[in-house]
Structure formats: C-alpha cells, structure tokens
Amino acid sequence: MTSKPSKPNTLDALGLISHLRRDPAEHKGHAGKVVLVGGSAGMAGALLLAGNACLHLGAGWTILEMLDPASAHADHEQPELMIRLANPNPAESLRLDQADVLGIGPGLGTSKLATEWLKASLASESIPLVIDADALNLIANSPELLSALQDRNARYPGQTVLTPHPGEAARLLGQTISDVQSDRVCAIEKLVSITQSIVILKGQHTLISAPGKDMLQCAEGNPGMGTGGMGDALTGSISAIAAQGLRHHLSLWEASCVATQLHALAADKLVQRGIGPIGLTPSETILEMRSLLNNLL
C-alpha cells in the first residue's frame, strides 16, 4: 500500500459539472430533497445562508430544521425555503422526511437539542451527510459522538463529509490553530485517519482528502472569503450538488470537490469584477456560483 503524496495534486473538478445537465422531463424529485439543521438563537442567518446556497445550486427541495423558535417561520425574501421549527424528536423527523441528503451544523449551537439532532444524524441511513460548524465542535468534545461518526463511516464508507476551518480542525485534533496551519497536509491526514470521513480543510488553498483518495488542493480562492457565512454557503452547495448527484451519478466525494472549487472560483470571479475582496459577501458568492454552474453545463 502506497502512502499519500506529501504534495497534494491540484483540484480539477469542474468537468464533472456536465453530469448535472438535466433531461427535459426531470422534476424536483430528480434533484433531491435536502434537510439542513441548525439556526439556534441568534444564528438563524447561518442556516438561511446554507439554505439559500442549496436552493440556488439546484436542490429540488430545501428544508430547514430551525432550532430557534423565533426564526422558524417563512422567509418572505426567499419563500422557496421550507422552514420549520426543529422537532424535539429528531429521529422521528428524519424518518418522516426521507431526505436524500442531510446537512448539519450552520448556527447549530451546542444545546441538548443540537446534540440530539447530531446523534440522530449520525445514526441516519446511508445518505450523504455534510457536517460543519458547531456539529464539528460537538464531536470534538464528545468521544461518544466521535465513535458514532466512526461507526457511521464503517457502515457507509464515503457517505460523510466534514468541512472544518482551522479552528474546528484544531479542536478535533486537540491541537492549536498554529499547529494546524503550520502543516495543513499533516492535519488533514490526521483528520481523515481519526474520522474516516471525507474532509475539506478550509483556508488558503483549501485541502480535500478521504480514505483511499489522493489529497487535492484548491488553487482558487482569495482573502475576501474570510468572512462569516462563507462556510455555510459551502455546506449548502455541497448538499445541493450531492442531492442532484444521486440521479446524475456523482458521489459525495465528487460533489464535495465540485462545490469546493466552484465556491472558490466564484469568489475569484467577483473580485476580478471589482466586487471585493474587502466586503465580498456569501450571498453574492452564492449567486455567482449559480451563474458559473449553468455556464459550465
């Protein structure tokens, strides 16, 4: 068995977008149902950003399980999003939803209900699962949740992706952020080994790796992406592309690669037009991603 190269290969996934071309008779069921979980008190915007990315990147249904009661209502600016108060019985909710893809973490918080939703998500059937933000922090602080993640990956290899930024990666590894940033290749290799997941280590030249896969490095991206909500947009984008990939023969690994590169390239295109890097927003990036995706079909 050969070891992974010390220098990652360059991520080149945009050619896979052609798989998402739709037949004339396709309907929303073919584009997949995505359930996104998060949005605790004061953090509803994170889940709304993930939902907007999911919607604009082509998911057939986008359902938001919002933990904050004050925010669990229709969004008049984006009425296409199906927003509801998170069920206190998450296992029942997931069973009834029959989602094609599940994403958890944006604005999730660390409450008891957040933990219960994460436990239920990790126990879910063999569907793509995207884990971000506070869901990663909960796993970092709980051997039980880490074990549940490992068990899921043993049962369903290649069906879970983690999207940590350096701080979340450091907590998962029990290291400092400086440790992670000083050797990002080593950090992602350790994360893959510990979790047995697909891992996207965000930051300058984002890295993506997984068990049995060569490590890849995203050449695109710019400092304007260093703003709150960019990670939430990525979570929604991966979820949307993975949902469409179920019919269009894209794996979660491939969907993760496409979304990562498309996300960074969209930010670069905006900067080239004078929109940023300072003041570049996730909402602008989401719309640019949609434009790029359709132009590349």
Protein backbone atom coordinates (compact mmCIF):
# COMPACT_ATOMS: atom_id res chain seq x y z
CA MET A 1 0.00 0.00 0.00
CA THR A 2 1.47 3.33 -1.07
CA SER A 3 1.30 6.41 1.12
CA LYS A 4 -0.28 9.65 0.01
CA PRO A 5 1.99 12.17 -1.67
CA SER A 6 3.40 14.90 0.54
CA LYS A 7 2.43 17.48 -2.07
CA PRO A 8 -1.28 17.44 -2.95
CA ASN A 9 -2.50 17.35 -6.51
CA THR A 10 -4.40 20.36 -7.82
CA LEU A 11 -8.17 20.13 -7.57
CA ASP A 12 -9.68 19.99 -11.06
CA ALA A 13 -13.32 19.03 -10.71
CA LEU A 14 -15.25 21.48 -12.88
CA GLY A 15 -15.52 18.98 -15.73
CA LEU A 16 -17.81 16.94 -13.51
CA ILE A 17 -20.44 19.68 -13.68
CA SER A 18 -21.55 18.33 -17.06
CA HIS A 19 -23.04 15.37 -15.15
CA LEU A 20 -25.63 17.74 -13.69
CA ARG A 21 -27.17 18.57 -17.08
CA ARG A 22 -30.90 17.91 -16.80
CA ASP A 23 -33.15 15.97 -19.12
CA PRO A 24 -36.21 17.88 -20.36
CA ALA A 25 -38.63 15.74 -18.33
CA GLU A 26 -36.83 16.00 -14.99
CA HIS A 27 -38.75 17.25 -11.96
CA LYS A 28 -37.90 18.31 -8.41
CA GLY A 29 -37.81 14.74 -7.19
CA HIS A 30 -34.90 14.08 -9.51
CA ALA A 31 -32.95 16.99 -7.99
CA GLY A 32 -33.20 15.61 -4.47
CA LYS A 33 -34.58 16.59 -1.08
CA VAL A 34 -32.09 18.23 1.30
CA VAL A 35 -32.65 18.73 5.03
CA LEU A 36 -30.37 21.26 6.73
CA VAL A 37 -30.25 21.50 10.52
CA GLY A 38 -29.07 24.44 12.64
CA GLY A 39 -30.05 28.02 13.30
CA SER A 40 -30.01 28.30 17.09
CA ALA A 41 -30.96 31.60 18.76
CA GLY A 42 -29.05 34.46 17.20
CA MET A 43 -27.62 32.19 14.48
CA ALA A 44 -30.55 31.78 12.11
CA GLY A 45 -28.65 33.61 9.38
CA ALA A 46 -26.11 30.79 9.13
CA LEU A 47 -28.81 28.24 8.33
CA LEU A 48 -30.53 30.65 5.92
CA LEU A 49 -27.25 31.11 4.03
CA ALA A 50 -26.78 27.35 3.77
CA GLY A 51 -30.37 27.04 2.62
CA ASN A 52 -30.01 29.76 0.00
CA ALA A 53 -26.88 28.11 -1.37
CA CYS A 54 -28.67 24.78 -1.52
CA LEU A 55 -31.63 26.32 -3.30
CA HIS A 56 -29.56 28.29 -5.83
CA LEU A 57 -27.27 25.38 -6.59
CA GLY A 58 -30.19 23.28 -7.70
CA ALA A 59 -31.66 21.07 -4.95
CA GLY A 60 -35.25 20.05 -5.67
CA TRP A 61 -36.41 20.67 -2.08
CA THR A 62 -34.60 22.54 0.66
CA ILE A 63 -35.96 22.03 4.17
CA LEU A 64 -34.53 23.95 7.12
CA GLU A 65 -34.88 22.48 10.60
CA MET A 66 -34.51 25.69 12.63
CA LEU A 67 -33.67 25.35 16.32
CA ASP A 68 -34.60 28.96 17.17
CA PRO A 69 -38.40 29.25 17.64
CA ALA A 70 -38.30 32.98 16.90
CA SER A 71 -36.80 32.32 13.45
CA ALA A 72 -38.79 29.24 12.45
CA HIS A 73 -41.11 30.94 10.01
CA ALA A 74 -41.37 31.60 6.28
CA ASP A 75 -38.73 33.88 4.82
CA HIS A 76 -40.58 36.42 2.70
CA GLU A 77 -37.42 37.21 0.75
CA GLN A 78 -36.87 33.53 -0.01
CA PRO A 79 -40.26 31.81 0.21
CA GLU A 80 -38.97 28.75 -1.64
CA LEU A 81 -37.20 27.62 1.53
CA MET A 82 -39.29 25.27 3.67
CA ILE A 83 -38.54 26.49 7.19
CA ARG A 84 -39.89 24.83 10.30
CA LEU A 85 -39.16 24.54 13.99
CA ALA A 86 -36.79 21.67 14.68
CA ASN A 87 -38.63 18.64 16.01
CA PRO A 88 -37.70 17.74 19.62
CA ASN A 89 -37.72 14.13 18.36
CA PRO A 90 -35.13 14.33 15.57
CA ALA A 91 -35.11 10.59 14.80
CA GLU A 92 -38.84 10.73 14.07
CA SER A 93 -38.43 13.83 11.93
CA LEU A 94 -35.64 12.29 9.85
CA ARG A 95 -37.67 9.11 9.39
CA LEU A 96 -40.66 11.08 8.11
CA ASP A 97 -38.62 13.42 5.91
CA GLN A 98 -36.89 10.66 3.95
CA ALA A 99 -34.22 13.15 2.91
CA ASP A 100 -31.79 12.39 0.09
CA VAL A 101 -29.03 14.49 1.72
CA LEU A 102 -28.64 15.76 5.26
CA GLY A 103 -26.52 18.72 6.37
CA ILE A 104 -26.00 19.75 9.98
CA GLY A 105 -24.02 22.49 11.70
CA PRO A 106 -24.67 26.03 10.42
CA GLY A 107 -25.64 28.02 13.51
CA LEU A 108 -26.40 24.77 15.34
CA GLY A 109 -25.10 25.79 18.76
CA THR A 110 -24.23 23.29 21.48
CA SER A 111 -27.54 22.81 23.27
CA LYS A 112 -29.03 19.48 24.32
CA LEU A 113 -31.36 19.62 21.31
CA ALA A 114 -28.42 20.31 18.99
CA THR A 115 -26.66 17.25 20.39
CA GLU A 116 -29.77 15.10 19.92
CA TRP A 117 -30.06 16.19 16.29
CA LEU A 118 -26.41 15.36 15.70
CA LYS A 119 -26.81 11.93 17.28
CA ALA A 120 -29.83 11.24 15.08
CA SER A 121 -27.98 12.48 12.00
CA LEU A 122 -25.02 10.20 12.68
CA ALA A 123 -27.44 7.29 13.10
CA SER A 124 -29.21 8.08 9.81
CA GLU A 125 -29.37 5.65 6.92
CA SER A 126 -26.94 5.54 4.02
CA ILE A 127 -27.44 9.04 2.66
CA PRO A 128 -24.81 11.74 2.14
CA LEU A 129 -24.21 13.65 5.37
CA VAL A 130 -22.47 17.06 5.48
CA ILE A 131 -21.12 18.08 8.92
CA ASP A 132 -19.96 21.64 9.63
CA ALA A 133 -19.50 24.32 12.28
CA ASP A 134 -20.89 23.55 15.76
CA ALA A 135 -21.62 19.96 14.78
CA LEU A 136 -17.84 19.56 14.47
CA ASN A 137 -17.30 21.25 17.82
CA LEU A 138 -19.76 18.88 19.46
CA ILE A 139 -17.88 15.89 18.01
CA ALA A 140 -14.57 17.36 19.18
CA ASN A 141 -15.89 17.50 22.75
CA SER A 142 -17.56 14.09 22.84
CA PRO A 143 -15.88 10.67 22.49
CA GLU A 144 -19.39 9.23 22.13
CA LEU A 145 -20.18 11.38 19.09
CA LEU A 146 -16.77 10.72 17.55
CA SER A 147 -17.39 6.99 17.97
CA ALA A 148 -20.81 7.38 16.33
CA LEU A 149 -19.15 9.16 13.39
CA GLN A 150 -16.59 6.40 13.04
CA ASP A 151 -19.31 3.75 13.23
CA ARG A 152 -21.30 5.51 10.51
CA ASN A 153 -18.30 5.56 8.22
CA ALA A 154 -17.65 1.87 8.88
CA ARG A 155 -21.23 1.10 7.86
CA TYR A 156 -21.46 3.59 4.99
CA PRO A 157 -18.00 4.45 3.63
CA GLY A 158 -17.74 7.65 1.63
CA GLN A 159 -21.09 8.99 2.77
CA THR A 160 -19.94 11.64 5.27
CA VAL A 161 -18.02 14.86 4.65
CA LEU A 162 -16.59 17.18 7.32
CA THR A 163 -15.86 20.82 6.44
CA PRO A 164 -13.70 22.27 9.26
CA HIS A 165 -11.95 25.62 9.23
CA PRO A 166 -8.57 25.64 11.03
CA GLY A 167 -10.12 26.35 14.43
CA GLU A 168 -12.55 23.46 14.19
CA ALA A 169 -9.79 21.22 12.87
CA ALA A 170 -7.61 22.15 15.85
CA ARG A 171 -10.38 21.24 18.30
CA LEU A 172 -10.96 17.90 16.58
CA LEU A 173 -7.22 17.14 16.76
CA GLY A 174 -6.61 18.51 20.25
CA GLN A 175 -4.06 20.94 18.81
CA THR A 176 -3.67 24.69 18.40
CA ILE A 177 -4.65 26.57 15.28
CA SER A 178 -0.96 27.35 14.77
CA ASP A 179 -0.22 23.63 14.76
CA VAL A 180 -2.82 23.05 12.06
CA GLN A 181 -1.74 25.97 9.91
CA SER A 182 1.97 25.13 10.16
CA ASP A 183 1.37 21.74 8.49
CA ARG A 184 -2.04 21.62 6.88
CA VAL A 185 -1.23 18.46 4.94
CA CYS A 186 -0.40 16.60 8.13
CA ALA A 187 -3.51 17.99 9.83
CA ILE A 188 -5.92 16.78 7.16
CA GLU A 189 -4.24 13.38 7.01
CA LYS A 190 -4.79 13.03 10.77
CA LEU A 191 -8.41 14.16 10.47
CA VAL A 192 -9.12 11.60 7.76
CA SER A 193 -7.42 8.88 9.81
CA ILE A 194 -9.32 9.72 13.01
CA THR A 195 -12.75 10.22 11.48
CA GLN A 196 -12.57 8.02 8.35
CA SER A 197 -14.54 10.77 6.60
CA ILE A 198 -14.14 12.91 3.54
CA VAL A 199 -12.53 16.06 4.97
CA ILE A 200 -12.40 19.56 3.49
CA LEU A 201 -9.88 21.66 5.43
CA LYS A 202 -10.88 25.21 4.59
CA GLY A 203 -8.46 28.12 4.36
CA GLN A 204 -5.89 29.41 1.90
CA HIS A 205 -5.58 26.66 -0.73
CA THR A 206 -8.32 24.51 0.75
CA LEU A 207 -7.41 20.82 1.01
CA ILE A 208 -9.71 17.87 0.43
CA SER A 209 -8.95 14.26 1.22
CA ALA A 210 -10.64 10.97 2.13
CA PRO A 211 -9.79 7.36 2.87
CA GLY A 212 -8.35 5.79 -0.27
CA LYS A 213 -8.23 9.10 -2.17
CA ASP A 214 -5.29 11.24 -3.24
CA MET A 215 -5.22 14.57 -1.43
CA LEU A 216 -6.27 17.56 -3.54
CA GLN A 217 -5.58 21.28 -3.13
CA CYS A 218 -7.82 24.05 -4.43
CA ALA A 219 -5.79 26.62 -6.37
CA GLU A 220 -8.67 29.12 -6.44
CA GLY A 221 -9.86 31.43 -3.65
CA ASN A 222 -8.92 34.78 -2.17
CA PRO A 223 -8.83 36.64 1.18
CA GLY A 224 -12.32 38.04 0.58
CA MET A 225 -13.66 34.62 1.52
CA GLY A 226 -12.54 35.17 5.10
CA THR A 227 -15.91 36.36 6.32
CA GLY A 228 -18.73 34.84 8.35
CA GLY A 229 -21.13 32.73 6.33
CA MET A 230 -18.78 31.55 3.58
CA GLY A 231 -18.56 28.12 5.19
CA ASP A 232 -22.34 27.94 5.49
CA ALA A 233 -22.62 28.64 1.77
CA LEU A 234 -20.21 25.79 1.08
CA THR A 235 -22.24 23.40 3.23
CA GLY A 236 -25.40 24.21 1.30
CA SER A 237 -23.60 23.94 -2.03
CA ILE A 238 -22.15 20.50 -1.28
CA SER A 239 -25.59 19.36 -0.15
CA ALA A 240 -27.29 20.58 -3.32
CA ILE A 241 -24.75 19.04 -5.69
CA ALA A 242 -24.75 15.77 -3.73
CA ALA A 243 -28.56 15.64 -3.93
CA GLN A 244 -28.50 16.04 -7.70
CA GLY A 245 -25.60 13.64 -7.90
CA LEU A 246 -27.77 10.76 -6.68
CA ARG A 247 -29.52 10.71 -10.05
CA HIS A 248 -26.66 12.11 -12.09
CA HIS A 249 -24.01 9.67 -10.91
CA LEU A 250 -21.83 11.91 -8.78
CA SER A 251 -20.52 10.53 -5.50
CA LEU A 252 -20.32 12.62 -2.32
CA TRP A 253 -16.55 12.85 -2.89
CA GLU A 254 -17.11 14.24 -6.39
CA ALA A 255 -19.87 16.59 -5.23
CA SER A 256 -17.57 17.88 -2.48
CA CYS A 257 -14.79 18.51 -4.99
CA VAL A 258 -17.10 20.32 -7.41
CA ALA A 259 -18.62 22.52 -4.70
CA THR A 260 -15.25 23.40 -3.18
CA GLN A 261 -13.76 24.53 -6.48
CA LEU A 262 -16.92 26.26 -7.67
CA HIS A 263 -17.17 28.18 -4.38
CA ALA A 264 -13.60 29.46 -4.59
CA LEU A 265 -13.79 30.23 -8.31
CA ALA A 266 -16.98 32.24 -7.84
CA ALA A 267 -15.26 34.39 -5.22
CA ASP A 268 -12.33 34.95 -7.60
CA LYS A 269 -14.65 35.94 -10.46
CA LEU A 270 -16.35 38.52 -8.25
CA VAL A 271 -13.01 40.03 -7.21
CA GLN A 272 -11.97 40.23 -10.85
CA ARG A 273 -15.06 42.39 -11.43
CA GLY A 274 -14.18 44.68 -8.52
CA ILE A 275 -16.62 43.12 -6.05
CA GLY A 276 -14.23 42.54 -3.16
CA PRO A 277 -12.04 41.20 -1.78
CA ILE A 278 -12.98 43.62 1.01
CA GLY A 279 -16.72 43.41 1.58
CA LEU A 280 -17.29 40.29 -0.51
CA THR A 281 -20.37 38.53 0.87
CA PRO A 282 -21.52 34.91 0.88
CA SER A 283 -24.83 35.94 -0.69
CA GLU A 284 -23.03 37.43 -3.69
CA THR A 285 -20.86 34.34 -3.94
CA ILE A 286 -23.88 32.03 -3.99
CA LEU A 287 -25.40 33.85 -6.97
CA GLU A 288 -22.08 33.81 -8.81
CA MET A 289 -21.79 30.07 -8.16
CA ARG A 290 -25.18 29.53 -9.78
CA SER A 291 -24.13 31.53 -12.82
CA LEU A 292 -20.87 29.63 -13.19
CA LEU A 293 -22.53 26.26 -12.77
CA ASN A 294 -25.05 26.96 -15.53
CA ASN A 295 -22.39 28.38 -17.84
CA LEU A 296 -20.30 25.23 -17.38
CA LEU A 297 -23.11 22.79 -18.15
